[in-house]
Amino acid sequence: MCPYLKVMIEFVLIAQLHLTDGRFGPSMNIDYFSKEHMCIDRARNAEDIVEMIKQEWYAYMDEEASHGHPVPPIDSIAMYCKPLEEAPG
């Protein structure tokens, strides 16, 4: 690979879960982009990501419930972009 073709990763797409009990659930770094507009476009068209997160969350809820630890369902999932240096984790 040519060293002059390195792509700078500058923005991260983040999913923030909001639970039905009013609390925030976890936030997750989903993907990385070199341009902010690319990240924003993906955040606007993230239905596939939202569905995947919901499926994984419901499996997590079932697993935790089987151990006597109830976990509230997802109320909504916010998708947003942040500069990489400001992103959590």
PDB file of N, CA and C in Angstrom:
ATOM      1  N   MET A   1       0.849  -1.182   0.000  1.00  0.00           N
ATOM      2  CA  MET A   1       0.000   0.000   0.000  1.00  0.00           C
ATOM      3  C   MET A   1       0.888   1.236   0.000  1.00  0.00           C
ATOM      4  N   CYS A   2       0.518   2.172  -0.788  1.00  0.00           N
ATOM      5  CA  CYS A   2       1.270   3.415  -0.907  1.00  0.00           C
ATOM      6  C   CYS A   2       1.065   4.243   0.369  1.00  0.00           C
ATOM      7  N   PRO A   3       2.137   4.715   1.008  1.00  0.00           N
ATOM      8  CA  PRO A   3       1.974   5.467   2.256  1.00  0.00           C
ATOM      9  C   PRO A   3       1.230   6.787   2.070  1.00  0.00           C
ATOM     10  N   TYR A   4       1.150   7.270   0.855  1.00  0.00           N
ATOM     11  CA  TYR A   4       0.454   8.536   0.605  1.00  0.00           C
ATOM     12  C   TYR A   4      -1.054   8.358   0.485  1.00  0.00           C
ATOM     13  N   LEU A   5      -1.523   7.132   0.484  1.00  0.00           N
ATOM     14  CA  LEU A   5      -2.948   6.863   0.338  1.00  0.00           C
ATOM     15  C   LEU A   5      -3.637   6.549   1.661  1.00  0.00           C
ATOM     16  N   LYS A   6      -2.985   6.803   2.760  1.00  0.00           N
ATOM     17  CA  LYS A   6      -3.605   6.545   4.063  1.00  0.00           C
ATOM     18  C   LYS A   6      -4.827   7.443   4.235  1.00  0.00           C
ATOM     19  N   VAL A   7      -5.904   6.853   4.736  1.00  0.00           N
ATOM     20  CA  VAL A   7      -7.137   7.597   4.975  1.00  0.00           C
ATOM     21  C   VAL A   7      -7.199   7.931   6.451  1.00  0.00           C
ATOM     22  N   MET A   8      -7.434   9.177   6.730  1.00  0.00           N
ATOM     23  CA  MET A   8      -7.544   9.614   8.124  1.00  0.00           C
ATOM     24  C   MET A   8      -8.964   9.339   8.620  1.00  0.00           C
ATOM     25  N   ILE A   9      -9.060   8.624   9.716  1.00  0.00           N
ATOM     26  CA  ILE A   9     -10.346   8.365  10.349  1.00  0.00           C
ATOM     27  C   ILE A   9     -10.599   9.517  11.313  1.00  0.00           C
ATOM     28  N   GLU A  10     -11.664  10.256  11.056  1.00  0.00           N
ATOM     29  CA  GLU A  10     -11.893  11.460  11.845  1.00  0.00           C
ATOM     30  C   GLU A  10     -13.221  11.500  12.578  1.00  0.00           C
ATOM     31  N   PHE A  11     -14.191  10.668  12.150  1.00  0.00           N
ATOM     32  CA  PHE A  11     -15.516  10.698  12.768  1.00  0.00           C
ATOM     33  C   PHE A  11     -15.975   9.288  13.103  1.00  0.00           C
ATOM     34  N   VAL A  12     -16.721   9.196  14.194  1.00  0.00           N
ATOM     35  CA  VAL A  12     -17.241   7.895  14.619  1.00  0.00           C
ATOM     36  C   VAL A  12     -18.768   7.974  14.700  1.00  0.00           C
ATOM     37  N   LEU A  13     -19.424   6.930  14.193  1.00  0.00           N
ATOM     38  CA  LEU A  13     -20.870   6.782  14.291  1.00  0.00           C
ATOM     39  C   LEU A  13     -21.165   6.057  15.600  1.00  0.00           C
ATOM     40  N   ILE A  14     -22.018   6.659  16.422  1.00  0.00           N
ATOM     41  CA  ILE A  14     -22.316   6.140  17.756  1.00  0.00           C
ATOM     42  C   ILE A  14     -23.809   5.846  17.869  1.00  0.00           C
ATOM     43  N   ALA A  15     -24.139   4.718  18.477  1.00  0.00           N
ATOM     44  CA  ALA A  15     -25.527   4.376  18.798  1.00  0.00           C
ATOM     45  C   ALA A  15     -25.696   4.527  20.307  1.00  0.00           C
ATOM     46  N   GLN A  16     -26.722   5.274  20.719  1.00  0.00           N
ATOM     47  CA  GLN A  16     -27.033   5.463  22.131  1.00  0.00           C
ATOM     48  C   GLN A  16     -28.407   4.870  22.403  1.00  0.00           C
ATOM     49  N   LEU A  17     -28.451   3.853  23.264  1.00  0.00           N
ATOM     50  CA  LEU A  17     -29.724   3.227  23.597  1.00  0.00           C
ATOM     51  C   LEU A  17     -30.448   4.028  24.678  1.00  0.00           C
ATOM     52  N   HIS A  18     -31.771   4.163  24.505  1.00  0.00           N
ATOM     53  CA  HIS A  18     -32.653   4.754  25.503  1.00  0.00           C
ATOM     54  C   HIS A  18     -33.622   3.653  25.907  1.00  0.00           C
ATOM     55  N   LEU A  19     -33.705   3.371  27.195  1.00  0.00           N
ATOM     56  CA  LEU A  19     -34.505   2.246  27.688  1.00  0.00           C
ATOM     57  C   LEU A  19     -35.886   2.711  28.131  1.00  0.00           C
ATOM     58  N   THR A  20     -36.830   1.774  28.188  1.00  0.00           N
ATOM     59  CA  THR A  20     -38.214   2.116  28.514  1.00  0.00           C
ATOM     60  C   THR A  20     -38.404   2.605  29.945  1.00  0.00           C
ATOM     61  N   ASP A  21     -37.430   2.364  30.821  1.00  0.00           N
ATOM     62  CA  ASP A  21     -37.543   2.857  32.196  1.00  0.00           C
ATOM     63  C   ASP A  21     -36.994   4.281  32.335  1.00  0.00           C
ATOM     64  N   GLY A  22     -36.653   4.918  31.212  1.00  0.00           N
ATOM     65  CA  GLY A  22     -36.190   6.296  31.235  1.00  0.00           C
ATOM     66  C   GLY A  22     -34.682   6.459  31.324  1.00  0.00           C
ATOM     67  N   ARG A  23     -33.970   5.364  31.531  1.00  0.00           N
ATOM     68  CA  ARG A  23     -32.511   5.458  31.635  1.00  0.00           C
ATOM     69  C   ARG A  23     -31.863   5.319  30.265  1.00  0.00           C
ATOM     70  N   PHE A  24     -30.627   5.803  30.202  1.00  0.00           N
ATOM     71  CA  PHE A  24     -29.797   5.528  29.042  1.00  0.00           C
ATOM     72  C   PHE A  24     -29.252   4.113  29.172  1.00  0.00           C
ATOM     73  N   GLY A  25     -29.234   3.400  28.068  1.00  0.00           N
ATOM     74  CA  GLY A  25     -28.534   2.131  28.009  1.00  0.00           C
ATOM     75  C   GLY A  25     -27.110   2.412  27.550  1.00  0.00           C
ATOM     76  N   PRO A  26     -26.420   1.393  27.109  1.00  0.00           N
ATOM     77  CA  PRO A  26     -25.045   1.602  26.667  1.00  0.00           C
ATOM     78  C   PRO A  26     -24.988   2.398  25.361  1.00  0.00           C
ATOM     79  N   SER A  27     -23.855   3.031  25.144  1.00  0.00           N
ATOM     80  CA  SER A  27     -23.574   3.621  23.834  1.00  0.00           C
ATOM     81  C   SER A  27     -22.499   2.761  23.183  1.00  0.00           C
ATOM     82  N   MET A  28     -22.544   2.698  21.853  1.00  0.00           N
ATOM     83  CA  MET A  28     -21.628   1.822  21.120  1.00  0.00           C
ATOM     84  C   MET A  28     -21.039   2.566  19.940  1.00  0.00           C
ATOM     85  N   ASN A  29     -19.734   2.455  19.784  1.00  0.00           N
ATOM     86  CA  ASN A  29     -19.090   2.953  18.576  1.00  0.00           C
ATOM     87  C   ASN A  29     -19.382   1.942  17.474  1.00  0.00           C
ATOM     88  N   ILE A  30     -20.027   2.386  16.409  1.00  0.00           N
ATOM     89  CA  ILE A  30     -20.510   1.491  15.369  1.00  0.00           C
ATOM     90  C   ILE A  30     -19.569   1.435  14.168  1.00  0.00           C
ATOM     91  N   ASP A  31     -19.143   2.607  13.674  1.00  0.00           N
ATOM     92  CA  ASP A  31     -18.317   2.638  12.472  1.00  0.00           C
ATOM     93  C   ASP A  31     -17.514   3.934  12.465  1.00  0.00           C
ATOM     94  N   TYR A  32     -16.514   3.978  11.592  1.00  0.00           N
ATOM     95  CA  TYR A  32     -15.592   5.108  11.523  1.00  0.00           C
ATOM     96  C   TYR A  32     -15.545   5.640  10.096  1.00  0.00           C
ATOM     97  N   PHE A  33     -15.431   6.975   9.976  1.00  0.00           N
ATOM     98  CA  PHE A  33     -15.480   7.632   8.671  1.00  0.00           C
ATOM     99  C   PHE A  33     -14.417   8.717   8.572  1.00  0.00           C
ATOM    100  N   SER A  34     -13.986   8.962   7.355  1.00  0.00           N
ATOM    101  CA  SER A  34     -12.996  10.006   7.117  1.00  0.00           C
ATOM    102  C   SER A  34     -13.640  11.378   6.964  1.00  0.00           C
ATOM    103  N   LYS A  35     -14.909  11.413   6.596  1.00  0.00           N
ATOM    104  CA  LYS A  35     -15.617  12.678   6.370  1.00  0.00           C
ATOM    105  C   LYS A  35     -16.904  12.706   7.188  1.00  0.00           C
ATOM    106  N   GLU A  36     -17.192  13.881   7.755  1.00  0.00           N
ATOM    107  CA  GLU A  36     -18.386  14.012   8.589  1.00  0.00           C
ATOM    108  C   GLU A  36     -19.662  13.721   7.805  1.00  0.00           C
ATOM    109  N   HIS A  37     -19.762  14.207   6.578  1.00  0.00           N
ATOM    110  CA  HIS A  37     -20.995  13.997   5.810  1.00  0.00           C
ATOM    111  C   HIS A  37     -21.246  12.512   5.552  1.00  0.00           C
ATOM    112  N   MET A  38     -20.193  11.712   5.413  1.00  0.00           N
ATOM    113  CA  MET A  38     -20.360  10.270   5.228  1.00  0.00           C
ATOM    114  C   MET A  38     -20.941   9.639   6.485  1.00  0.00           C
ATOM    115  N   CYS A  39     -20.475  10.080   7.628  1.00  0.00           N
ATOM    116  CA  CYS A  39     -20.978   9.580   8.905  1.00  0.00           C
ATOM    117  C   CYS A  39     -22.442   9.970   9.093  1.00  0.00           C
ATOM    118  N   ILE A  40     -22.765  11.221   8.808  1.00  0.00           N
ATOM    119  CA  ILE A  40     -24.140  11.704   8.957  1.00  0.00           C
ATOM    120  C   ILE A  40     -25.080  10.960   8.020  1.00  0.00           C
ATOM    121  N   ASP A  41     -24.652  10.733   6.779  1.00  0.00           N
ATOM    122  CA  ASP A  41     -25.482   9.977   5.844  1.00  0.00           C
ATOM    123  C   ASP A  41     -25.768   8.577   6.382  1.00  0.00           C
ATOM    124  N   ARG A  42     -24.771   7.934   6.953  1.00  0.00           N
ATOM    125  CA  ARG A  42     -24.955   6.583   7.495  1.00  0.00           C
ATOM    126  C   ARG A  42     -25.877   6.616   8.711  1.00  0.00           C
ATOM    127  N   ALA A  43     -25.739   7.636   9.546  1.00  0.00           N
ATOM    128  CA  ALA A  43     -26.610   7.763  10.720  1.00  0.00           C
ATOM    129  C   ALA A  43     -28.068   7.927  10.296  1.00  0.00           C
ATOM    130  N   ARG A  44     -28.297   8.645   9.216  1.00  0.00           N
ATOM    131  CA  ARG A  44     -29.660   8.853   8.721  1.00  0.00           C
ATOM    132  C   ARG A  44     -30.260   7.595   8.112  1.00  0.00           C
ATOM    133  N   ASN A  45     -29.419   6.687   7.660  1.00  0.00           N
ATOM    134  CA  ASN A  45     -29.873   5.472   6.988  1.00  0.00           C
ATOM    135  C   ASN A  45     -29.376   4.237   7.739  1.00  0.00           C
ATOM    136  N   ALA A  46     -29.670   4.192   9.023  1.00  0.00           N
ATOM    137  CA  ALA A  46     -29.112   3.139   9.876  1.00  0.00           C
ATOM    138  C   ALA A  46     -30.157   2.137  10.353  1.00  0.00           C
ATOM    139  N   GLU A  47     -31.235   1.969   9.586  1.00  0.00           N
ATOM    140  CA  GLU A  47     -32.282   1.041  10.013  1.00  0.00           C
ATOM    141  C   GLU A  47     -31.739  -0.364  10.230  1.00  0.00           C
ATOM    142  N   ASP A  48     -30.801  -0.782   9.380  1.00  0.00           N
ATOM    143  CA  ASP A  48     -30.228  -2.119   9.517  1.00  0.00           C
ATOM    144  C   ASP A  48     -29.440  -2.253  10.819  1.00  0.00           C
ATOM    145  N   ILE A  49     -28.735  -1.218  11.188  1.00  0.00           N
ATOM    146  CA  ILE A  49     -27.963  -1.225  12.441  1.00  0.00           C
ATOM    147  C   ILE A  49     -28.918  -1.256  13.633  1.00  0.00           C
ATOM    148  N   VAL A  50     -29.964  -0.448  13.577  1.00  0.00           N
ATOM    149  CA  VAL A  50     -30.938  -0.398  14.663  1.00  0.00           C
ATOM    150  C   VAL A  50     -31.588  -1.766  14.855  1.00  0.00           C
ATOM    151  N   GLU A  51     -31.962  -2.425  13.778  1.00  0.00           N
ATOM    152  CA  GLU A  51     -32.582  -3.748  13.882  1.00  0.00           C
ATOM    153  C   GLU A  51     -31.613  -4.772  14.470  1.00  0.00           C
ATOM    154  N   MET A  52     -30.357  -4.716  14.066  1.00  0.00           N
ATOM    155  CA  MET A  52     -29.362  -5.643  14.610  1.00  0.00           C
ATOM    156  C   MET A  52     -29.182  -5.417  16.117  1.00  0.00           C
ATOM    157  N   ILE A  53     -29.099  -4.154  16.530  1.00  0.00           N
ATOM    158  CA  ILE A  53     -28.948  -3.837  17.949  1.00  0.00           C
ATOM    159  C   ILE A  53     -30.157  -4.333  18.738  1.00  0.00           C
ATOM    160  N   LYS A  54     -31.360  -4.122  18.205  1.00  0.00           N
ATOM    161  CA  LYS A  54     -32.576  -4.587  18.883  1.00  0.00           C
ATOM    162  C   LYS A  54     -32.562  -6.101  19.064  1.00  0.00           C
ATOM    163  N   GLN A  55     -32.195  -6.832  18.027  1.00  0.00           N
ATOM    164  CA  GLN A  55     -32.149  -8.300  18.128  1.00  0.00           C
ATOM    165  C   GLN A  55     -31.157  -8.737  19.203  1.00  0.00           C
ATOM    166  N   GLU A  56     -29.990  -8.121  19.208  1.00  0.00           N
ATOM    167  CA  GLU A  56     -28.979  -8.472  20.212  1.00  0.00           C
ATOM    168  C   GLU A  56     -29.444  -8.098  21.606  1.00  0.00           C
ATOM    169  N   TRP A  57     -30.127  -6.957  21.744  1.00  0.00           N
ATOM    170  CA  TRP A  57     -30.607  -6.517  23.055  1.00  0.00           C
ATOM    171  C   TRP A  57     -31.666  -7.471  23.591  1.00  0.00           C
ATOM    172  N   TYR A  58     -32.589  -7.910  22.727  1.00  0.00           N
ATOM    173  CA  TYR A  58     -33.630  -8.830  23.194  1.00  0.00           C
ATOM    174  C   TYR A  58     -33.036 -10.171  23.607  1.00  0.00           C
ATOM    175  N   ALA A  59     -32.017 -10.631  22.921  1.00  0.00           N
ATOM    176  CA  ALA A  59     -31.326 -11.852  23.344  1.00  0.00           C
ATOM    177  C   ALA A  59     -30.654 -11.629  24.700  1.00  0.00           C
ATOM    178  N   TYR A  60     -30.054 -10.459  24.896  1.00  0.00           N
ATOM    179  CA  TYR A  60     -29.433 -10.110  26.176  1.00  0.00           C
ATOM    180  C   TYR A  60     -30.482 -10.055  27.286  1.00  0.00           C
ATOM    181  N   MET A  61     -31.647  -9.457  26.989  1.00  0.00           N
ATOM    182  CA  MET A  61     -32.731  -9.394  27.978  1.00  0.00           C
ATOM    183  C   MET A  61     -33.154 -10.791  28.408  1.00  0.00           C
ATOM    184  N   ASP A  62     -33.316 -11.700  27.434  1.00  0.00           N
ATOM    185  CA  ASP A  62     -33.722 -13.072  27.747  1.00  0.00           C
ATOM    186  C   ASP A  62     -32.676 -13.772  28.607  1.00  0.00           C
ATOM    187  N   GLU A  63     -31.415 -13.607  28.254  1.00  0.00           N
ATOM    188  CA  GLU A  63     -30.324 -14.244  29.014  1.00  0.00           C
ATOM    189  C   GLU A  63     -30.297 -13.723  30.454  1.00  0.00           C
ATOM    190  N   GLU A  64     -30.378 -12.414  30.603  1.00  0.00           N
ATOM    191  CA  GLU A  64     -30.354 -11.829  31.946  1.00  0.00           C
ATOM    192  C   GLU A  64     -31.584 -12.230  32.758  1.00  0.00           C
ATOM    193  N   ALA A  65     -32.744 -12.278  32.126  1.00  0.00           N
ATOM    194  CA  ALA A  65     -33.976 -12.686  32.821  1.00  0.00           C
ATOM    195  C   ALA A  65     -33.863 -14.124  33.313  1.00  0.00           C
ATOM    196  N   SER A  66     -33.178 -14.973  32.547  1.00  0.00           N
ATOM    197  CA  SER A  66     -33.028 -16.365  32.973  1.00  0.00           C
ATOM    198  C   SER A  66     -32.159 -16.490  34.220  1.00  0.00           C
ATOM    199  N   HIS A  67     -31.409 -15.451  34.530  1.00  0.00           N
ATOM    200  CA  HIS A  67     -30.579 -15.411  35.743  1.00  0.00           C
ATOM    201  C   HIS A  67     -31.204 -14.538  36.830  1.00  0.00           C
ATOM    202  N   GLY A  68     -32.461 -14.136  36.616  1.00  0.00           N
ATOM    203  CA  GLY A  68     -33.162 -13.333  37.609  1.00  0.00           C
ATOM    204  C   GLY A  68     -32.798 -11.864  37.600  1.00  0.00           C
ATOM    205  N   HIS A  69     -32.224 -11.383  36.503  1.00  0.00           N
ATOM    206  CA  HIS A  69     -31.850  -9.970  36.378  1.00  0.00           C
ATOM    207  C   HIS A  69     -32.653  -9.325  35.250  1.00  0.00           C
ATOM    208  N   PRO A  70     -33.801  -8.752  35.582  1.00  0.00           N
ATOM    209  CA  PRO A  70     -34.604  -8.142  34.516  1.00  0.00           C
ATOM    210  C   PRO A  70     -33.897  -6.919  33.917  1.00  0.00           C
ATOM    211  N   VAL A  71     -33.956  -6.816  32.615  1.00  0.00           N
ATOM    212  CA  VAL A  71     -33.369  -5.699  31.866  1.00  0.00           C
ATOM    213  C   VAL A  71     -34.495  -5.069  31.060  1.00  0.00           C
ATOM    214  N   PRO A  72     -34.653  -3.733  31.140  1.00  0.00           N
ATOM    215  CA  PRO A  72     -35.747  -3.097  30.399  1.00  0.00           C
ATOM    216  C   PRO A  72     -35.511  -3.134  28.890  1.00  0.00           C
ATOM    217  N   PRO A  73     -36.595  -3.134  28.129  1.00  0.00           N
ATOM    218  CA  PRO A  73     -36.478  -3.097  26.675  1.00  0.00           C
ATOM    219  C   PRO A  73     -35.978  -1.728  26.181  1.00  0.00           C
ATOM    220  N   ILE A  74     -35.627  -1.689  24.922  1.00  0.00           N
ATOM    221  CA  ILE A  74     -35.202  -0.442  24.282  1.00  0.00           C
ATOM    222  C   ILE A  74     -36.438   0.377  23.938  1.00  0.00           C
ATOM    223  N   ASP A  75     -36.400   1.648  24.264  1.00  0.00           N
ATOM    224  CA  ASP A  75     -37.439   2.583  23.845  1.00  0.00           C
ATOM    225  C   ASP A  75     -37.069   3.183  22.487  1.00  0.00           C
ATOM    226  N   SER A  76     -35.805   3.612  22.350  1.00  0.00           N
ATOM    227  CA  SER A  76     -35.333   4.174  21.089  1.00  0.00           C
ATOM    228  C   SER A  76     -33.811   4.075  21.036  1.00  0.00           C
ATOM    229  N   ILE A  77     -33.296   4.257  19.840  1.00  0.00           N
ATOM    230  CA  ILE A  77     -31.850   4.250  19.624  1.00  0.00           C
ATOM    231  C   ILE A  77     -31.493   5.500  18.840  1.00  0.00           C
ATOM    232  N   ALA A  78     -30.654   6.330  19.410  1.00  0.00           N
ATOM    233  CA  ALA A  78     -30.179   7.540  18.728  1.00  0.00           C
ATOM    234  C   ALA A  78     -28.873   7.212  18.016  1.00  0.00           C
ATOM    235  N   MET A  79     -28.765   7.642  16.776  1.00  0.00           N
ATOM    236  CA  MET A  79     -27.542   7.465  16.000  1.00  0.00           C
ATOM    237  C   MET A  79     -26.972   8.860  15.753  1.00  0.00           C
ATOM    238  N   TYR A  80     -25.705   9.049  16.123  1.00  0.00           N
ATOM    239  CA  TYR A  80     -25.100  10.364  15.913  1.00  0.00           C
ATOM    240  C   TYR A  80     -23.605  10.216  15.648  1.00  0.00           C
ATOM    241  N   CYS A  81     -23.001  11.301  15.171  1.00  0.00           N
ATOM    242  CA  CYS A  81     -21.588  11.311  14.814  1.00  0.00           C
ATOM    243  C   CYS A  81     -20.844  12.286  15.707  1.00  0.00           C
ATOM    244  N   LYS A  82     -19.615  11.911  16.035  1.00  0.00           N
ATOM    245  CA  LYS A  82     -18.733  12.765  16.822  1.00  0.00           C
ATOM    246  C   LYS A  82     -17.347  12.699  16.226  1.00  0.00           C
ATOM    247  N   PRO A  83     -16.579  13.778  16.404  1.00  0.00           N
ATOM    248  CA  PRO A  83     -15.169  13.685  16.038  1.00  0.00           C
ATOM    249  C   PRO A  83     -14.499  12.572  16.871  1.00  0.00           C
ATOM    250  N   LEU A  84     -13.599  11.866  16.267  1.00  0.00           N
ATOM    251  CA  LEU A  84     -12.972  10.709  16.913  1.00  0.00           C
ATOM    252  C   LEU A  84     -12.390  11.054  18.280  1.00  0.00           C
ATOM    253  N   GLU A  85     -11.755  12.203  18.401  1.00  0.00           N
ATOM    254  CA  GLU A  85     -11.115  12.558  19.671  1.00  0.00           C
ATOM    255  C   GLU A  85     -12.112  12.857  20.790  1.00  0.00           C
ATOM    256  N   GLU A  86     -13.394  13.056  20.440  1.00  0.00           N
ATOM    257  CA  GLU A  86     -14.441  13.314  21.440  1.00  0.00           C
ATOM    258  C   GLU A  86     -15.280  12.089  21.739  1.00  0.00           C
ATOM    259  N   ALA A  87     -15.078  11.009  21.009  1.00  0.00           N
ATOM    260  CA  ALA A  87     -15.916   9.812  21.155  1.00  0.00           C
ATOM    261  C   ALA A  87     -15.567   9.050  22.425  1.00  0.00           C
ATOM    262  N   PRO A  88     -16.578   8.442  23.057  1.00  0.00           N
ATOM    263  CA  PRO A  88     -16.304   7.620  24.238  1.00  0.00           C
ATOM    264  C   PRO A  88     -15.557   6.352  23.862  1.00  0.00           C
ATOM    265  N   GLY A  89     -14.765   5.867  24.794  1.00  0.00           N
ATOM    266  CA  GLY A  89     -14.061   4.604  24.645  1.00  0.00           C
ATOM    267  C   GLY A  89     -13.128   4.586  23.511  1.00  0.00           C
TER     268      GLY A  89
END
